[in-house]
N, C-alpha and C. Protein backbone atom coordinates (compact mmCIF):
# COMPACT_ATOMS: atom_id res chain seq x y z
N ILE A 1 -6.31 11.47 16.11
CA ILE A 1 -7.47 11.27 15.25
C ILE A 1 -8.69 10.93 16.10
N SER A 2 -8.51 10.07 17.09
CA SER A 2 -9.66 9.67 17.90
C SER A 2 -10.20 10.84 18.72
N LYS A 3 -9.38 11.84 19.02
CA LYS A 3 -9.85 13.00 19.78
C LYS A 3 -10.55 14.03 18.91
N ASN A 4 -10.32 13.97 17.60
CA ASN A 4 -10.82 15.02 16.71
C ASN A 4 -11.77 14.54 15.62
N SER A 5 -12.15 13.28 15.66
CA SER A 5 -13.11 12.79 14.68
C SER A 5 -13.99 11.74 15.33
N ALA A 6 -15.17 11.56 14.76
CA ALA A 6 -16.14 10.61 15.31
C ALA A 6 -15.68 9.17 15.06
N PRO A 7 -16.11 8.23 15.91
CA PRO A 7 -15.79 6.83 15.67
C PRO A 7 -16.28 6.39 14.29
N ASN A 8 -15.53 5.52 13.66
CA ASN A 8 -15.83 4.96 12.34
C ASN A 8 -15.86 6.00 11.21
N THR A 9 -15.19 7.13 11.42
CA THR A 9 -15.02 8.10 10.34
C THR A 9 -14.19 7.45 9.24
N GLN A 10 -14.53 7.75 8.00
CA GLN A 10 -13.77 7.25 6.86
C GLN A 10 -12.34 7.77 6.93
N VAL A 11 -11.34 6.87 6.83
CA VAL A 11 -9.93 7.25 6.87
C VAL A 11 -9.30 6.85 5.55
N TRP A 12 -8.60 7.80 4.94
CA TRP A 12 -7.91 7.57 3.68
C TRP A 12 -6.40 7.67 3.91
N ILE A 13 -5.69 6.58 3.73
CA ILE A 13 -4.23 6.59 3.82
C ILE A 13 -3.70 6.85 2.42
N ALA A 14 -2.94 7.93 2.29
CA ALA A 14 -2.36 8.32 1.01
C ALA A 14 -0.91 8.74 1.23
N ASN A 15 -0.18 7.85 1.89
CA ASN A 15 1.21 8.13 2.23
C ASN A 15 1.96 6.81 2.20
N GLY A 16 2.94 6.70 1.31
CA GLY A 16 3.71 5.46 1.19
C GLY A 16 4.44 5.07 2.45
N ASP A 17 4.77 6.05 3.30
CA ASP A 17 5.41 5.73 4.58
C ASP A 17 4.44 5.02 5.51
N ALA A 18 3.16 5.04 5.16
CA ALA A 18 2.14 4.39 6.00
C ALA A 18 2.05 2.90 5.73
N LYS A 19 2.89 2.38 4.85
CA LYS A 19 2.82 0.96 4.51
C LYS A 19 3.08 0.02 5.68
N PRO A 20 3.93 0.37 6.66
CA PRO A 20 4.07 -0.57 7.77
C PRO A 20 2.71 -0.87 8.38
N PRO A 21 2.47 -2.09 8.76
CA PRO A 21 1.12 -2.46 9.23
C PRO A 21 0.70 -1.79 10.52
N SER A 22 1.61 -1.17 11.25
CA SER A 22 1.23 -0.59 12.53
C SER A 22 0.25 0.58 12.36
N LEU A 23 0.41 1.40 11.32
CA LEU A 23 -0.50 2.54 11.15
C LEU A 23 -1.94 2.07 10.92
N PRO A 24 -2.20 1.20 9.94
CA PRO A 24 -3.58 0.72 9.79
C PRO A 24 -4.09 0.00 11.04
N PHE A 25 -3.22 -0.75 11.70
CA PHE A 25 -3.63 -1.46 12.91
C PHE A 25 -4.14 -0.48 13.96
N TYR A 26 -3.37 0.57 14.24
CA TYR A 26 -3.79 1.53 15.26
C TYR A 26 -4.99 2.35 14.81
N LEU A 27 -5.07 2.64 13.53
CA LEU A 27 -6.24 3.37 13.03
C LEU A 27 -7.51 2.55 13.19
N MET A 28 -7.40 1.23 13.07
CA MET A 28 -8.59 0.38 13.20
C MET A 28 -9.11 0.36 14.64
N GLN A 29 -8.36 0.88 15.58
CA GLN A 29 -8.87 1.02 16.95
C GLN A 29 -9.95 2.11 16.99
N HIS A 30 -9.93 3.00 16.00
CA HIS A 30 -10.86 4.12 15.95
C HIS A 30 -11.91 3.96 14.85
N SER A 31 -11.54 3.32 13.75
CA SER A 31 -12.45 3.24 12.61
C SER A 31 -12.28 1.92 11.87
N ASN A 32 -13.39 1.38 11.40
CA ASN A 32 -13.34 0.19 10.54
C ASN A 32 -13.32 0.57 9.08
N ASN A 33 -13.33 1.87 8.80
CA ASN A 33 -13.39 2.38 7.43
C ASN A 33 -12.03 2.90 6.99
N ILE A 34 -11.06 2.01 6.90
CA ILE A 34 -9.69 2.38 6.52
C ILE A 34 -9.48 1.99 5.05
N ASN A 35 -9.02 2.95 4.26
CA ASN A 35 -8.77 2.72 2.84
C ASN A 35 -7.45 3.33 2.44
N GLU A 36 -6.84 2.78 1.40
CA GLU A 36 -5.66 3.38 0.80
C GLU A 36 -6.04 3.93 -0.55
N GLU A 37 -5.59 5.14 -0.82
CA GLU A 37 -5.84 5.78 -2.12
C GLU A 37 -4.69 6.74 -2.39
N TYR A 38 -4.07 6.62 -3.53
CA TYR A 38 -2.93 7.46 -3.87
C TYR A 38 -3.19 8.35 -5.08
N ASP A 39 -4.33 8.19 -5.72
CA ASP A 39 -4.69 8.99 -6.88
C ASP A 39 -5.22 10.34 -6.40
N PHE A 40 -4.53 11.41 -6.79
CA PHE A 40 -4.89 12.75 -6.32
C PHE A 40 -6.33 13.12 -6.65
N GLN A 41 -6.78 12.88 -7.88
CA GLN A 41 -8.14 13.26 -8.27
C GLN A 41 -9.19 12.52 -7.44
N LYS A 42 -8.94 11.26 -7.16
CA LYS A 42 -9.89 10.50 -6.33
C LYS A 42 -9.90 11.02 -4.90
N LEU A 43 -8.73 11.41 -4.39
CA LEU A 43 -8.68 11.99 -3.04
C LEU A 43 -9.48 13.28 -2.97
N VAL A 44 -9.36 14.11 -3.99
CA VAL A 44 -10.13 15.36 -4.04
C VAL A 44 -11.63 15.04 -4.06
N GLU A 45 -12.03 14.05 -4.84
CA GLU A 45 -13.44 13.66 -4.87
C GLU A 45 -13.91 13.22 -3.48
N HIS A 46 -13.10 12.43 -2.79
CA HIS A 46 -13.47 11.99 -1.44
C HIS A 46 -13.53 13.18 -0.48
N TYR A 47 -12.62 14.12 -0.65
CA TYR A 47 -12.61 15.31 0.21
C TYR A 47 -13.88 16.13 0.01
N LYS A 48 -14.38 16.19 -1.20
CA LYS A 48 -15.56 16.98 -1.50
C LYS A 48 -16.87 16.32 -1.07
N GLU A 49 -16.81 15.03 -0.73
CA GLU A 49 -18.03 14.35 -0.27
C GLU A 49 -18.54 15.02 1.00
N PRO A 50 -19.85 15.12 1.15
CA PRO A 50 -20.43 15.84 2.30
C PRO A 50 -20.49 14.99 3.58
N LYS A 51 -19.35 14.41 3.93
CA LYS A 51 -19.30 13.63 5.17
C LYS A 51 -17.91 13.74 5.77
N PRO A 52 -17.80 13.52 7.08
CA PRO A 52 -16.49 13.62 7.73
C PRO A 52 -15.52 12.58 7.18
N ALA A 53 -14.25 12.94 7.19
CA ALA A 53 -13.21 12.03 6.73
C ALA A 53 -11.86 12.47 7.29
N VAL A 54 -10.95 11.51 7.34
CA VAL A 54 -9.57 11.78 7.75
C VAL A 54 -8.67 11.36 6.60
N PHE A 55 -7.70 12.21 6.29
CA PHE A 55 -6.75 11.93 5.22
C PHE A 55 -5.34 11.93 5.81
N ILE A 56 -4.61 10.87 5.58
CA ILE A 56 -3.21 10.78 6.02
C ILE A 56 -2.38 10.85 4.75
N LEU A 57 -1.75 12.01 4.55
CA LEU A 57 -1.15 12.34 3.27
C LEU A 57 0.38 12.42 3.33
N SER A 58 0.97 12.28 2.17
CA SER A 58 2.38 12.62 2.00
C SER A 58 2.46 14.15 1.88
N GLN A 59 3.65 14.69 2.01
CA GLN A 59 3.81 16.13 1.86
C GLN A 59 3.36 16.58 0.47
N GLN A 60 3.73 15.82 -0.55
CA GLN A 60 3.37 16.19 -1.91
C GLN A 60 1.85 16.22 -2.10
N LEU A 61 1.15 15.18 -1.62
CA LEU A 61 -0.31 15.17 -1.78
C LEU A 61 -0.97 16.26 -0.94
N TYR A 62 -0.43 16.54 0.24
CA TYR A 62 -0.98 17.64 1.03
C TYR A 62 -0.85 18.96 0.29
N GLU A 63 0.33 19.22 -0.27
CA GLU A 63 0.54 20.47 -1.00
C GLU A 63 -0.37 20.57 -2.22
N GLN A 64 -0.60 19.45 -2.90
CA GLN A 64 -1.53 19.44 -4.04
C GLN A 64 -2.95 19.74 -3.58
N MET A 65 -3.38 19.12 -2.47
CA MET A 65 -4.74 19.35 -1.97
C MET A 65 -4.90 20.79 -1.51
N LYS A 66 -3.89 21.32 -0.87
CA LYS A 66 -3.93 22.71 -0.40
C LYS A 66 -4.02 23.67 -1.60
N ALA A 67 -3.30 23.37 -2.68
CA ALA A 67 -3.36 24.20 -3.88
C ALA A 67 -4.75 24.12 -4.53
N ALA A 68 -5.39 22.96 -4.45
CA ALA A 68 -6.71 22.78 -5.04
C ALA A 68 -7.81 23.40 -4.19
N ASP A 69 -7.59 23.47 -2.87
CA ASP A 69 -8.60 24.00 -1.95
C ASP A 69 -7.87 24.65 -0.78
N SER A 70 -7.89 25.96 -0.73
CA SER A 70 -7.11 26.69 0.29
C SER A 70 -7.62 26.48 1.71
N THR A 71 -8.80 25.87 1.87
CA THR A 71 -9.32 25.63 3.22
C THR A 71 -8.73 24.35 3.84
N VAL A 72 -8.00 23.57 3.06
CA VAL A 72 -7.41 22.32 3.58
C VAL A 72 -6.29 22.68 4.55
N VAL A 73 -6.39 22.15 5.77
CA VAL A 73 -5.39 22.38 6.80
C VAL A 73 -4.96 21.03 7.36
N ALA A 74 -3.65 20.87 7.54
CA ALA A 74 -3.12 19.60 8.05
C ALA A 74 -2.22 19.86 9.24
N LYS A 75 -2.07 18.84 10.03
CA LYS A 75 -1.09 18.83 11.10
C LYS A 75 -0.05 17.79 10.73
N GLU A 76 1.23 18.17 10.80
CA GLU A 76 2.31 17.24 10.46
C GLU A 76 2.72 16.44 11.69
N PHE A 77 2.91 15.14 11.47
CA PHE A 77 3.42 14.24 12.50
C PHE A 77 4.66 13.54 11.98
N SER A 78 5.63 13.36 12.84
CA SER A 78 6.85 12.63 12.49
C SER A 78 7.06 11.52 13.50
N THR A 79 7.40 10.34 13.01
CA THR A 79 7.69 9.20 13.88
C THR A 79 8.91 8.47 13.35
N TYR A 80 9.60 7.79 14.25
CA TYR A 80 10.71 6.95 13.80
C TYR A 80 10.16 5.69 13.17
N ARG A 81 10.77 5.26 12.10
CA ARG A 81 10.41 3.99 11.48
C ARG A 81 10.79 2.87 12.43
N SER A 82 10.08 1.76 12.32
CA SER A 82 10.32 0.65 13.25
C SER A 82 11.74 0.11 13.16
N ASP A 83 12.38 0.24 12.00
CA ASP A 83 13.76 -0.23 11.88
C ASP A 83 14.78 0.85 12.24
N ARG A 84 14.27 2.00 12.69
CA ARG A 84 15.10 3.13 13.11
C ARG A 84 15.99 3.67 11.99
N SER A 85 15.58 3.45 10.74
CA SER A 85 16.37 3.92 9.60
C SER A 85 16.11 5.40 9.29
N GLY A 86 15.25 6.02 10.02
CA GLY A 86 14.91 7.43 9.79
C GLY A 86 13.50 7.70 10.27
N LYS A 87 12.99 8.84 9.89
CA LYS A 87 11.64 9.22 10.31
C LYS A 87 10.66 9.14 9.14
N SER A 88 9.42 8.87 9.49
CA SER A 88 8.31 8.96 8.56
C SER A 88 7.54 10.22 8.90
N HIS A 89 7.04 10.90 7.87
CA HIS A 89 6.29 12.13 8.08
C HIS A 89 4.90 11.96 7.48
N TYR A 90 3.91 12.42 8.21
CA TYR A 90 2.52 12.30 7.80
C TYR A 90 1.86 13.66 7.95
N TRP A 91 1.00 14.02 7.00
CA TRP A 91 0.19 15.23 7.09
C TRP A 91 -1.25 14.76 7.25
N VAL A 92 -1.85 15.06 8.40
CA VAL A 92 -3.19 14.57 8.72
C VAL A 92 -4.20 15.71 8.56
N VAL A 93 -5.18 15.46 7.72
CA VAL A 93 -6.27 16.40 7.48
C VAL A 93 -7.54 15.77 8.05
N ILE A 94 -8.20 16.48 8.94
CA ILE A 94 -9.46 16.00 9.51
C ILE A 94 -10.57 16.91 9.01
N LYS A 95 -11.45 16.34 8.20
CA LYS A 95 -12.59 17.08 7.64
C LYS A 95 -13.82 16.71 8.45
N LYS A 96 -14.39 17.69 9.08
CA LYS A 96 -15.56 17.43 9.95
C LYS A 96 -16.86 17.68 9.23
C-alpha cells in the first residue's frame, strides 16, 4: 500500500479477518485515515468519491464491488493468522 498510494490516503477496512489489531497498526504507519466499513452501499459511495482511497475487502465484498463497477481491480493477499489456525485473505483495491 505504501508503494502504491500517497501518504495519508483514506483506507477502508471491510474484511472481518482484519480484526486483529496488527493490520490497523501497520496501516497507520502509512495513513492516519483508517476506517472500518462493512456496508456495501457505503463502500460504493466512498469508492465513487473523487479522491484516492484504499479498500481492504473480503472476497464477497470485492466480488460485489467488481459487479457494480467493472473497473475495480484488486490484488489478493494471504497471510497466516497470528494463532496459526489458518490463513486470512484480503483483496486490496487502490483507487488513485
